[in-house]
């Protein structure tokens, strides 16, 4: 049965609150000092591009888009459940194994986009694994699944998702190991949420 715009609007805002509580919770109330991650030589080779902050924060267009495109109650429930479980799992990991990204260069006052869209709202705590990368992968795949018969839409969403993943590196919010782990987590969450055989097995196990 199709869901209404109002119900999706309420669900998306509840998801946003869920994300805020469980993402910032480990940062505001840490249980231990974070382990500092050291960038590799490949991470150092990636340039700092502060204007890609626009792309970085476009996740908050991709996520509601994926939410509002879900065509019925079942797929919306699956998408929402997968999202909430993914965020909660990461939050538990961040509380138990906090991380921080170690950078040797000052990135303050780089550009309006970086200063106001990234630095002012998002730190480098909870770096590993990248929740940003996980949610990008999860939301992108959920949209591609709906439009798998339309190559242009699938290609556009794939390009958008890849640009988002790259922007986590060019804004220096994450390093490659963070992004790789986040992508894997997003793939697992997507499989558990949308593959019926896996869901059935989990229920009967």
N, C-alpha and C. Protein backbone atom coordinates (compact mmCIF):
# COMPACT_ATOMS: atom_id res chain seq x y z
N UNK A 1 0.85 -1.19 0.00
CA UNK A 1 0.00 0.00 0.00
C UNK A 1 0.89 1.25 0.00
N UNK A 2 0.62 2.21 -0.90
CA UNK A 2 1.44 3.43 -0.94
C UNK A 2 1.32 4.23 0.35
N UNK A 3 2.38 4.91 0.70
CA UNK A 3 2.37 5.76 1.88
C UNK A 3 2.22 7.22 1.47
N UNK A 4 1.72 8.04 2.36
CA UNK A 4 1.47 9.44 2.05
C UNK A 4 2.74 10.27 2.23
N UNK A 5 2.73 11.45 1.62
CA UNK A 5 3.86 12.37 1.77
C UNK A 5 4.04 12.75 3.23
N UNK A 6 2.93 12.97 3.94
CA UNK A 6 3.00 13.37 5.34
C UNK A 6 3.66 12.30 6.19
N UNK A 7 3.29 11.03 5.97
CA UNK A 7 3.88 9.95 6.76
C UNK A 7 5.38 9.84 6.49
N UNK A 8 5.78 10.02 5.23
CA UNK A 8 7.20 9.97 4.90
C UNK A 8 7.94 11.16 5.51
N UNK A 9 7.28 12.30 5.53
CA UNK A 9 7.88 13.51 6.12
C UNK A 9 8.13 13.29 7.62
N UNK A 10 7.16 12.71 8.30
CA UNK A 10 7.30 12.45 9.74
C UNK A 10 8.40 11.42 9.97
N UNK A 11 8.41 10.37 9.16
CA UNK A 11 9.42 9.32 9.31
C UNK A 11 10.82 9.88 9.07
N UNK A 12 10.98 10.71 8.02
CA UNK A 12 12.30 11.27 7.74
C UNK A 12 12.79 12.14 8.89
N UNK A 13 11.92 12.95 9.46
CA UNK A 13 12.34 13.80 10.57
C UNK A 13 12.69 12.97 11.81
N UNK A 14 11.96 11.87 12.02
CA UNK A 14 12.30 10.97 13.12
C UNK A 14 13.67 10.32 12.87
N UNK A 15 13.95 9.96 11.62
CA UNK A 15 15.25 9.40 11.26
C UNK A 15 16.36 10.41 11.50
N UNK A 16 16.08 11.67 11.20
CA UNK A 16 17.07 12.73 11.38
C UNK A 16 17.39 12.92 12.86
N UNK A 17 16.37 12.87 13.71
CA UNK A 17 16.59 12.96 15.16
C UNK A 17 17.39 11.76 15.65
N UNK A 18 17.03 10.57 15.15
CA UNK A 18 17.75 9.34 15.51
C UNK A 18 19.24 9.47 15.16
N UNK A 19 19.50 9.96 13.96
CA UNK A 19 20.88 10.14 13.51
C UNK A 19 21.62 11.14 14.40
N UNK A 20 20.97 12.25 14.71
CA UNK A 20 21.62 13.26 15.54
C UNK A 20 21.96 12.74 16.93
N UNK A 21 21.02 12.04 17.55
CA UNK A 21 21.23 11.53 18.91
C UNK A 21 22.37 10.51 18.94
N UNK A 22 22.31 9.55 18.03
CA UNK A 22 23.28 8.45 18.10
C UNK A 22 24.61 8.76 17.42
N UNK A 23 24.66 9.81 16.62
CA UNK A 23 25.95 10.22 16.05
C UNK A 23 26.70 11.13 17.01
N UNK A 24 25.99 12.11 17.56
CA UNK A 24 26.66 13.06 18.45
C UNK A 24 26.79 12.55 19.89
N UNK A 25 25.97 11.56 20.27
CA UNK A 25 26.04 11.02 21.62
C UNK A 25 27.44 10.58 22.03
N UNK A 26 28.10 9.74 21.23
CA UNK A 26 29.46 9.31 21.61
C UNK A 26 30.47 10.45 21.63
N UNK A 27 30.19 11.55 20.90
CA UNK A 27 31.10 12.69 20.92
C UNK A 27 30.88 13.55 22.17
N UNK A 28 29.62 13.73 22.54
CA UNK A 28 29.30 14.56 23.70
C UNK A 28 29.56 13.85 25.02
N UNK A 29 29.36 12.53 25.05
CA UNK A 29 29.52 11.75 26.28
C UNK A 29 30.47 10.57 26.04
N UNK A 30 31.74 10.86 25.77
CA UNK A 30 32.68 9.77 25.47
C UNK A 30 32.96 8.91 26.70
N UNK A 31 33.21 7.63 26.46
CA UNK A 31 33.54 6.71 27.55
C UNK A 31 35.04 6.58 27.75
N UNK A 32 35.81 6.95 26.73
CA UNK A 32 37.26 6.87 26.84
C UNK A 32 37.90 7.81 25.83
N UNK A 33 39.20 7.99 25.96
CA UNK A 33 39.93 8.84 25.02
C UNK A 33 39.99 8.17 23.65
N UNK A 34 39.90 8.95 22.58
CA UNK A 34 39.89 8.34 21.24
C UNK A 34 41.27 7.88 20.80
N UNK A 35 41.27 6.86 19.98
CA UNK A 35 42.50 6.39 19.34
C UNK A 35 42.74 7.26 18.10
N UNK A 36 43.94 7.78 17.95
CA UNK A 36 44.24 8.68 16.84
C UNK A 36 44.64 7.88 15.60
N UNK A 37 43.93 8.14 14.52
CA UNK A 37 44.23 7.50 13.24
C UNK A 37 45.26 8.33 12.48
N UNK A 38 46.22 7.66 11.88
CA UNK A 38 47.26 8.35 11.12
C UNK A 38 47.03 8.13 9.63
N UNK A 39 46.90 9.20 8.86
CA UNK A 39 46.70 9.05 7.41
C UNK A 39 47.90 8.38 6.74
N UNK A 40 47.62 7.61 5.69
CA UNK A 40 48.67 6.97 4.92
C UNK A 40 49.23 7.96 3.90
N UNK A 41 50.25 7.55 3.18
CA UNK A 41 50.84 8.43 2.17
C UNK A 41 49.83 8.70 1.05
N UNK A 42 48.94 7.74 0.80
CA UNK A 42 47.90 7.96 -0.21
C UNK A 42 46.91 9.04 0.25
N UNK A 43 46.57 9.01 1.52
CA UNK A 43 45.68 10.04 2.06
C UNK A 43 46.32 11.42 1.98
N UNK A 44 47.62 11.49 2.25
CA UNK A 44 48.33 12.76 2.14
C UNK A 44 48.39 13.26 0.70
N UNK A 45 48.37 12.31 -0.24
CA UNK A 45 48.44 12.70 -1.65
C UNK A 45 47.14 13.30 -2.17
N UNK A 46 46.05 13.02 -1.47
CA UNK A 46 44.75 13.57 -1.88
C UNK A 46 44.68 15.03 -1.46
N UNK A 47 44.40 15.95 -2.37
CA UNK A 47 44.39 17.37 -2.01
C UNK A 47 43.21 17.74 -1.14
N UNK A 48 43.40 18.76 -0.34
CA UNK A 48 42.30 19.32 0.44
C UNK A 48 41.54 20.30 -0.43
N UNK A 49 40.27 20.00 -0.70
CA UNK A 49 39.43 20.82 -1.57
C UNK A 49 38.22 21.28 -0.76
N UNK A 50 38.33 22.41 -0.09
CA UNK A 50 37.26 22.84 0.83
C UNK A 50 35.91 23.05 0.16
N UNK A 51 35.91 23.43 -1.12
CA UNK A 51 34.62 23.67 -1.79
C UNK A 51 33.82 22.39 -2.00
N UNK A 52 34.48 21.22 -1.87
CA UNK A 52 33.73 19.96 -1.99
C UNK A 52 32.87 19.70 -0.76
N UNK A 53 32.90 20.64 0.19
CA UNK A 53 31.98 20.55 1.33
C UNK A 53 30.53 20.53 0.86
N UNK A 54 30.24 21.20 -0.26
CA UNK A 54 28.88 21.17 -0.81
C UNK A 54 28.49 19.76 -1.18
N UNK A 55 29.41 19.04 -1.79
CA UNK A 55 29.13 17.64 -2.16
C UNK A 55 29.02 16.78 -0.91
N UNK A 56 29.92 17.02 0.03
CA UNK A 56 29.94 16.24 1.28
C UNK A 56 28.59 16.29 2.00
N UNK A 57 28.04 17.48 2.09
CA UNK A 57 26.77 17.63 2.81
C UNK A 57 25.55 17.34 1.93
N UNK A 58 25.77 17.02 0.66
CA UNK A 58 24.63 16.63 -0.18
C UNK A 58 24.06 15.28 0.24
N UNK A 59 24.74 14.61 1.17
CA UNK A 59 24.17 13.39 1.75
C UNK A 59 22.79 13.67 2.33
N UNK A 60 22.61 14.90 2.85
CA UNK A 60 21.33 15.23 3.47
C UNK A 60 20.29 15.66 2.44
N UNK A 61 20.60 15.49 1.18
CA UNK A 61 19.60 15.50 0.10
C UNK A 61 19.38 14.07 -0.38
N UNK A 62 20.46 13.29 -0.41
CA UNK A 62 20.36 11.90 -0.87
C UNK A 62 19.52 11.06 0.09
N UNK A 63 19.73 11.23 1.39
CA UNK A 63 18.99 10.44 2.37
C UNK A 63 17.48 10.69 2.35
N UNK A 64 17.02 11.97 2.41
CA UNK A 64 15.57 12.17 2.32
C UNK A 64 15.00 11.76 0.97
N UNK A 65 15.78 11.92 -0.10
CA UNK A 65 15.32 11.49 -1.41
C UNK A 65 15.06 9.99 -1.40
N UNK A 66 16.00 9.24 -0.85
CA UNK A 66 15.82 7.78 -0.77
C UNK A 66 14.61 7.43 0.09
N UNK A 67 14.37 8.20 1.14
CA UNK A 67 13.22 7.95 2.01
C UNK A 67 11.91 8.21 1.29
N UNK A 68 11.81 9.35 0.61
CA UNK A 68 10.55 9.72 -0.04
C UNK A 68 10.27 8.90 -1.30
N UNK A 69 11.30 8.29 -1.88
CA UNK A 69 11.08 7.49 -3.09
C UNK A 69 10.59 6.08 -2.80
N UNK A 70 10.67 5.64 -1.55
CA UNK A 70 10.20 4.29 -1.23
C UNK A 70 8.71 4.20 -1.54
N UNK A 71 8.30 3.24 -2.39
CA UNK A 71 6.94 3.27 -2.96
C UNK A 71 5.82 2.75 -2.06
N UNK A 72 6.14 1.94 -1.06
CA UNK A 72 5.08 1.36 -0.24
C UNK A 72 5.56 1.16 1.18
N UNK A 73 4.65 0.69 2.01
CA UNK A 73 4.96 0.57 3.43
C UNK A 73 6.06 -0.44 3.70
N UNK A 74 6.06 -1.54 2.96
CA UNK A 74 7.07 -2.57 3.21
C UNK A 74 8.48 -2.06 2.91
N UNK A 75 8.66 -1.47 1.73
CA UNK A 75 10.00 -1.00 1.38
C UNK A 75 10.42 0.18 2.27
N UNK A 76 9.47 1.04 2.63
CA UNK A 76 9.78 2.15 3.53
C UNK A 76 10.19 1.62 4.90
N UNK A 77 9.47 0.60 5.39
CA UNK A 77 9.82 0.01 6.69
C UNK A 77 11.19 -0.65 6.64
N UNK A 78 11.48 -1.33 5.52
CA UNK A 78 12.79 -1.96 5.37
C UNK A 78 13.89 -0.91 5.34
N UNK A 79 13.68 0.16 4.56
CA UNK A 79 14.68 1.22 4.46
C UNK A 79 14.91 1.88 5.80
N UNK A 80 13.83 2.22 6.49
CA UNK A 80 13.94 2.89 7.79
C UNK A 80 14.61 1.99 8.82
N UNK A 81 14.23 0.73 8.86
CA UNK A 81 14.82 -0.20 9.82
C UNK A 81 16.31 -0.38 9.57
N UNK A 82 16.68 -0.52 8.29
CA UNK A 82 18.10 -0.65 7.96
C UNK A 82 18.89 0.58 8.36
N UNK A 83 18.32 1.74 8.10
CA UNK A 83 18.96 3.01 8.48
C UNK A 83 19.18 3.07 9.99
N UNK A 84 18.13 2.80 10.75
CA UNK A 84 18.22 2.91 12.21
C UNK A 84 19.20 1.90 12.79
N UNK A 85 19.19 0.68 12.27
CA UNK A 85 20.13 -0.34 12.75
C UNK A 85 21.57 0.03 12.41
N UNK A 86 21.77 0.59 11.23
CA UNK A 86 23.11 1.00 10.81
C UNK A 86 23.64 2.10 11.72
N UNK A 87 22.83 3.11 11.98
CA UNK A 87 23.26 4.22 12.84
C UNK A 87 23.51 3.74 14.26
N UNK A 88 22.62 2.90 14.78
CA UNK A 88 22.77 2.40 16.15
C UNK A 88 24.02 1.55 16.30
N UNK A 89 24.28 0.69 15.32
CA UNK A 89 25.48 -0.16 15.36
C UNK A 89 26.75 0.68 15.37
N UNK A 90 26.78 1.70 14.52
CA UNK A 90 27.94 2.58 14.48
C UNK A 90 28.09 3.32 15.81
N UNK A 91 26.98 3.76 16.38
CA UNK A 91 27.03 4.50 17.64
C UNK A 91 27.64 3.64 18.75
N UNK A 92 27.23 2.39 18.83
CA UNK A 92 27.79 1.48 19.83
C UNK A 92 29.30 1.32 19.62
N UNK A 93 29.69 1.17 18.35
CA UNK A 93 31.12 1.04 18.04
C UNK A 93 31.87 2.31 18.43
N UNK A 94 31.29 3.48 18.14
CA UNK A 94 31.95 4.75 18.47
C UNK A 94 32.11 4.92 19.98
N UNK A 95 31.13 4.44 20.74
CA UNK A 95 31.25 4.54 22.19
C UNK A 95 32.33 3.60 22.73
N UNK A 96 32.39 2.40 22.18
CA UNK A 96 33.34 1.41 22.68
C UNK A 96 34.75 1.61 22.13
N UNK A 97 34.83 2.06 20.88
CA UNK A 97 36.14 2.23 20.22
C UNK A 97 36.20 3.61 19.55
N UNK A 98 36.27 4.67 20.33
CA UNK A 98 36.29 6.02 19.72
C UNK A 98 37.59 6.26 18.95
N UNK A 99 37.46 6.99 17.88
CA UNK A 99 38.63 7.32 17.06
C UNK A 99 38.63 8.80 16.74
N UNK A 100 39.80 9.28 16.39
CA UNK A 100 39.95 10.67 16.00
C UNK A 100 40.96 10.70 14.85
N UNK A 101 40.76 11.62 13.92
CA UNK A 101 41.64 11.71 12.77
C UNK A 101 42.75 12.70 13.03
N UNK A 102 43.97 12.24 12.87
CA UNK A 102 45.14 13.07 13.13
C UNK A 102 45.56 13.77 11.85
N UNK A 103 45.57 15.10 11.89
CA UNK A 103 45.98 15.89 10.72
C UNK A 103 47.07 16.88 11.12
N UNK A 104 48.01 17.06 10.22
CA UNK A 104 49.14 17.93 10.52
C UNK A 104 49.00 19.32 9.93
N UNK A 105 47.92 19.55 9.16
CA UNK A 105 47.74 20.86 8.53
C UNK A 105 46.50 21.53 9.10
N UNK A 106 46.55 22.84 9.20
CA UNK A 106 45.40 23.61 9.69
C UNK A 106 44.43 23.84 8.54
N UNK A 107 43.15 23.52 8.78
CA UNK A 107 42.16 23.63 7.72
C UNK A 107 41.11 24.68 8.04
N UNK A 108 41.34 25.49 9.05
CA UNK A 108 40.33 26.47 9.45
C UNK A 108 40.31 27.65 8.48
N UNK A 109 39.17 28.29 8.40
CA UNK A 109 38.98 29.46 7.56
C UNK A 109 39.40 29.20 6.11
N UNK A 110 38.99 28.06 5.59
CA UNK A 110 39.37 27.68 4.23
C UNK A 110 38.43 28.28 3.20
N UNK A 111 37.16 28.12 3.46
CA UNK A 111 36.13 28.65 2.57
C UNK A 111 34.83 28.70 3.36
N UNK A 112 33.87 29.46 2.86
CA UNK A 112 32.59 29.55 3.56
C UNK A 112 31.95 28.16 3.65
N UNK A 113 32.00 27.41 2.55
CA UNK A 113 31.36 26.10 2.52
C UNK A 113 31.96 25.17 3.56
N UNK A 114 33.28 25.12 3.62
CA UNK A 114 33.92 24.21 4.58
C UNK A 114 33.69 24.68 6.02
N UNK A 115 33.89 25.97 6.25
CA UNK A 115 33.77 26.51 7.61
C UNK A 115 32.37 26.31 8.19
N UNK A 116 31.34 26.53 7.36
CA UNK A 116 29.97 26.52 7.87
C UNK A 116 29.23 25.21 7.66
N UNK A 117 29.59 24.45 6.65
CA UNK A 117 28.87 23.21 6.36
C UNK A 117 29.55 21.97 6.91
N UNK A 118 30.84 22.10 7.24
CA UNK A 118 31.57 20.93 7.74
C UNK A 118 32.18 21.22 9.11
N UNK A 119 33.11 22.17 9.17
CA UNK A 119 33.84 22.41 10.42
C UNK A 119 32.92 22.82 11.57
N UNK A 120 31.87 23.57 11.27
CA UNK A 120 30.98 24.08 12.32
C UNK A 120 30.02 23.02 12.85
N UNK A 121 29.78 21.97 12.08
CA UNK A 121 28.77 21.00 12.48
C UNK A 121 29.31 19.59 12.63
N UNK A 122 30.51 19.33 12.14
CA UNK A 122 31.01 17.96 12.12
C UNK A 122 32.50 17.96 12.42
N UNK A 123 32.90 17.24 13.46
CA UNK A 123 34.31 17.13 13.79
C UNK A 123 34.93 15.91 13.15
N UNK A 124 36.11 15.53 13.64
CA UNK A 124 36.79 14.35 13.11
C UNK A 124 36.79 13.20 14.11
N UNK A 125 35.93 13.31 15.13
CA UNK A 125 35.71 12.17 16.01
C UNK A 125 34.82 11.17 15.27
N UNK A 126 34.82 9.95 15.76
CA UNK A 126 34.03 8.89 15.11
C UNK A 126 34.44 8.71 13.65
N UNK A 127 35.76 8.75 13.41
CA UNK A 127 36.24 8.69 12.04
C UNK A 127 36.11 7.29 11.44
N UNK A 128 36.43 6.27 12.23
CA UNK A 128 36.41 4.89 11.71
C UNK A 128 35.34 4.07 12.41
N UNK A 129 34.53 3.37 11.62
CA UNK A 129 34.35 3.50 10.17
C UNK A 129 33.51 4.72 9.84
N UNK A 130 33.53 5.13 8.59
CA UNK A 130 32.84 6.35 8.19
C UNK A 130 31.34 6.11 8.07
N UNK A 131 30.58 6.71 8.98
CA UNK A 131 29.12 6.62 8.87
C UNK A 131 28.63 7.37 7.64
N UNK A 132 29.33 8.43 7.27
CA UNK A 132 28.97 9.18 6.08
C UNK A 132 29.04 8.28 4.85
N UNK A 133 30.10 7.50 4.75
CA UNK A 133 30.26 6.58 3.61
C UNK A 133 29.22 5.46 3.67
N UNK A 134 28.95 4.97 4.87
CA UNK A 134 27.98 3.88 5.02
C UNK A 134 26.58 4.32 4.60
N UNK A 135 26.16 5.51 5.05
CA UNK A 135 24.83 6.01 4.71
C UNK A 135 24.74 6.37 3.23
N UNK A 136 25.83 6.88 2.66
CA UNK A 136 25.85 7.17 1.22
C UNK A 136 25.63 5.90 0.43
N UNK A 137 26.36 4.84 0.78
CA UNK A 137 26.24 3.56 0.08
C UNK A 137 24.84 2.99 0.25
N UNK A 138 24.33 3.03 1.46
CA UNK A 138 23.01 2.47 1.76
C UNK A 138 21.91 3.20 1.00
N UNK A 139 21.91 4.52 1.06
CA UNK A 139 20.87 5.30 0.38
C UNK A 139 21.00 5.19 -1.13
N UNK A 140 22.23 5.26 -1.65
CA UNK A 140 22.42 5.16 -3.10
C UNK A 140 21.93 3.84 -3.65
N UNK A 141 22.27 2.74 -2.99
CA UNK A 141 21.84 1.42 -3.45
C UNK A 141 20.32 1.26 -3.37
N UNK A 142 19.71 1.85 -2.36
CA UNK A 142 18.26 1.72 -2.22
C UNK A 142 17.52 2.43 -3.36
N UNK A 143 18.10 3.54 -3.84
CA UNK A 143 17.49 4.24 -4.99
C UNK A 143 17.75 3.48 -6.27
N UNK A 144 18.97 3.01 -6.46
CA UNK A 144 19.31 2.24 -7.66
C UNK A 144 18.43 0.99 -7.77
N UNK A 145 18.13 0.37 -6.63
CA UNK A 145 17.26 -0.80 -6.62
C UNK A 145 15.88 -0.47 -7.18
N UNK A 146 15.36 0.70 -6.85
CA UNK A 146 14.03 1.09 -7.32
C UNK A 146 14.01 1.41 -8.80
N UNK A 147 15.14 1.88 -9.35
CA UNK A 147 15.18 2.34 -10.74
C UNK A 147 16.19 1.54 -11.57
N UNK A 148 16.34 0.26 -11.22
CA UNK A 148 17.34 -0.55 -11.91
C UNK A 148 17.04 -0.74 -13.39
N UNK A 149 15.81 -0.47 -13.81
CA UNK A 149 15.46 -0.56 -15.22
C UNK A 149 15.68 0.72 -15.99
N UNK A 150 16.15 1.76 -15.29
CA UNK A 150 16.37 3.07 -15.92
C UNK A 150 17.85 3.44 -15.79
N UNK A 151 18.65 3.13 -16.82
CA UNK A 151 20.11 3.30 -16.73
C UNK A 151 20.56 4.72 -16.42
N UNK A 152 19.86 5.73 -16.96
CA UNK A 152 20.27 7.12 -16.74
C UNK A 152 20.16 7.49 -15.27
N UNK A 153 19.06 7.12 -14.63
CA UNK A 153 18.88 7.42 -13.21
C UNK A 153 19.90 6.66 -12.38
N UNK A 154 20.11 5.38 -12.70
CA UNK A 154 21.09 4.58 -11.95
C UNK A 154 22.49 5.16 -12.08
N UNK A 155 22.84 5.58 -13.30
CA UNK A 155 24.17 6.16 -13.51
C UNK A 155 24.32 7.47 -12.75
N UNK A 156 23.26 8.28 -12.73
CA UNK A 156 23.31 9.56 -12.03
C UNK A 156 23.48 9.36 -10.52
N UNK A 157 22.73 8.42 -9.96
CA UNK A 157 22.82 8.16 -8.52
C UNK A 157 24.18 7.55 -8.18
N UNK A 158 24.68 6.69 -9.06
CA UNK A 158 26.01 6.10 -8.84
C UNK A 158 27.08 7.18 -8.84
N UNK A 159 27.02 8.09 -9.81
CA UNK A 159 28.00 9.18 -9.88
C UNK A 159 27.90 10.07 -8.64
N UNK A 160 26.69 10.40 -8.24
CA UNK A 160 26.47 11.22 -7.04
C UNK A 160 27.06 10.53 -5.81
N UNK A 161 26.80 9.23 -5.66
CA UNK A 161 27.31 8.50 -4.51
C UNK A 161 28.83 8.45 -4.50
N UNK A 162 29.43 8.22 -5.67
CA UNK A 162 30.89 8.17 -5.76
C UNK A 162 31.49 9.54 -5.43
N UNK A 163 30.85 10.61 -5.93
CA UNK A 163 31.33 11.96 -5.63
C UNK A 163 31.26 12.23 -4.13
N UNK A 164 30.19 11.75 -3.49
CA UNK A 164 30.05 11.91 -2.04
C UNK A 164 31.17 11.18 -1.30
N UNK A 165 31.47 9.95 -1.72
CA UNK A 165 32.52 9.18 -1.08
C UNK A 165 33.88 9.87 -1.22
N UNK A 166 34.14 10.38 -2.42
CA UNK A 166 35.41 11.09 -2.65
C UNK A 166 35.48 12.35 -1.80
N UNK A 167 34.35 13.03 -1.64
CA UNK A 167 34.34 14.28 -0.87
C UNK A 167 34.69 14.06 0.60
N UNK A 168 34.45 12.85 1.13
CA UNK A 168 34.85 12.58 2.51
C UNK A 168 36.37 12.62 2.66
N UNK A 169 37.07 12.36 1.55
CA UNK A 169 38.54 12.41 1.54
C UNK A 169 39.06 13.80 1.23
N UNK A 170 38.41 14.50 0.30
CA UNK A 170 38.89 15.83 -0.11
C UNK A 170 38.55 16.91 0.91
N UNK A 171 37.58 16.65 1.79
CA UNK A 171 37.33 17.58 2.90
C UNK A 171 38.15 17.21 4.13
N UNK A 172 38.90 16.10 4.02
CA UNK A 172 39.77 15.62 5.10
C UNK A 172 39.00 15.26 6.36
N UNK A 173 37.75 14.83 6.17
CA UNK A 173 36.97 14.33 7.30
C UNK A 173 37.27 12.86 7.57
N UNK A 174 37.77 12.18 6.58
CA UNK A 174 38.06 10.75 6.70
C UNK A 174 39.30 10.39 5.90
N UNK A 175 39.82 9.21 6.19
CA UNK A 175 40.90 8.65 5.39
C UNK A 175 40.37 7.38 4.71
N UNK A 176 41.19 6.80 3.85
CA UNK A 176 40.71 5.72 2.99
C UNK A 176 40.18 4.51 3.77
N UNK A 177 40.86 4.18 4.86
CA UNK A 177 40.42 3.02 5.63
C UNK A 177 39.04 3.25 6.23
N UNK A 178 38.75 4.49 6.62
CA UNK A 178 37.42 4.83 7.15
C UNK A 178 36.34 4.62 6.08
N UNK A 179 36.64 5.13 4.90
CA UNK A 179 35.66 5.08 3.81
C UNK A 179 35.43 3.64 3.37
N UNK A 180 36.52 2.87 3.24
CA UNK A 180 36.37 1.47 2.84
C UNK A 180 35.51 0.68 3.80
N UNK A 181 35.76 0.85 5.10
CA UNK A 181 34.97 0.15 6.11
C UNK A 181 33.52 0.62 6.09
N UNK A 182 33.31 1.91 5.86
CA UNK A 182 31.95 2.44 5.81
C UNK A 182 31.17 1.90 4.62
N UNK A 183 31.82 1.79 3.47
CA UNK A 183 31.16 1.25 2.28
C UNK A 183 30.74 -0.21 2.52
N UNK A 184 31.63 -0.99 3.12
CA UNK A 184 31.30 -2.39 3.41
C UNK A 184 30.11 -2.47 4.36
N UNK A 185 30.09 -1.63 5.39
CA UNK A 185 28.97 -1.62 6.33
C UNK A 185 27.67 -1.23 5.64
N UNK A 186 27.74 -0.26 4.73
CA UNK A 186 26.55 0.13 3.98
C UNK A 186 26.03 -0.99 3.10
N UNK A 187 26.94 -1.74 2.48
CA UNK A 187 26.55 -2.88 1.66
C UNK A 187 25.86 -3.96 2.49
N UNK A 188 26.42 -4.23 3.67
CA UNK A 188 25.83 -5.24 4.55
C UNK A 188 24.44 -4.80 5.01
N UNK A 189 24.32 -3.54 5.42
CA UNK A 189 23.02 -3.03 5.87
C UNK A 189 21.98 -3.11 4.75
N UNK A 190 22.39 -2.77 3.53
CA UNK A 190 21.48 -2.84 2.40
C UNK A 190 21.03 -4.28 2.15
N UNK A 191 21.97 -5.22 2.19
CA UNK A 191 21.63 -6.62 1.96
C UNK A 191 20.66 -7.14 3.02
N UNK A 192 20.91 -6.80 4.27
CA UNK A 192 20.03 -7.26 5.35
C UNK A 192 18.65 -6.63 5.28
N UNK A 193 18.58 -5.38 4.81
CA UNK A 193 17.30 -4.67 4.78
C UNK A 193 16.43 -5.08 3.60
N UNK A 194 17.04 -5.36 2.44
CA UNK A 194 16.24 -5.51 1.23
C UNK A 194 16.24 -6.90 0.61
N UNK A 195 17.16 -7.77 1.01
CA UNK A 195 17.13 -9.12 0.45
C UNK A 195 16.24 -9.99 1.31
N UNK A 196 15.10 -10.41 0.76
CA UNK A 196 14.10 -11.12 1.53
C UNK A 196 14.64 -12.44 2.08
N UNK A 197 15.45 -13.15 1.29
CA UNK A 197 15.97 -14.43 1.74
C UNK A 197 16.80 -14.29 3.00
N UNK A 198 17.62 -13.24 3.03
CA UNK A 198 18.45 -13.02 4.21
C UNK A 198 17.57 -12.67 5.40
N UNK A 199 16.55 -11.83 5.18
CA UNK A 199 15.64 -11.45 6.27
C UNK A 199 14.92 -12.66 6.83
N UNK A 200 14.43 -13.52 5.95
CA UNK A 200 13.70 -14.72 6.39
C UNK A 200 14.61 -15.63 7.20
N UNK A 201 15.84 -15.82 6.74
CA UNK A 201 16.80 -16.65 7.46
C UNK A 201 17.09 -16.12 8.85
N UNK A 202 17.21 -14.78 8.93
CA UNK A 202 17.48 -14.18 10.23
C UNK A 202 16.30 -14.38 11.19
N UNK A 203 15.09 -14.32 10.65
CA UNK A 203 13.90 -14.49 11.50
C UNK A 203 13.73 -15.91 11.98
N UNK A 204 14.16 -16.85 11.15
CA UNK A 204 13.96 -18.27 11.50
C UNK A 204 15.16 -18.87 12.19
N UNK A 205 16.26 -18.12 12.27
CA UNK A 205 17.47 -18.66 12.90
C UNK A 205 17.28 -18.79 14.42
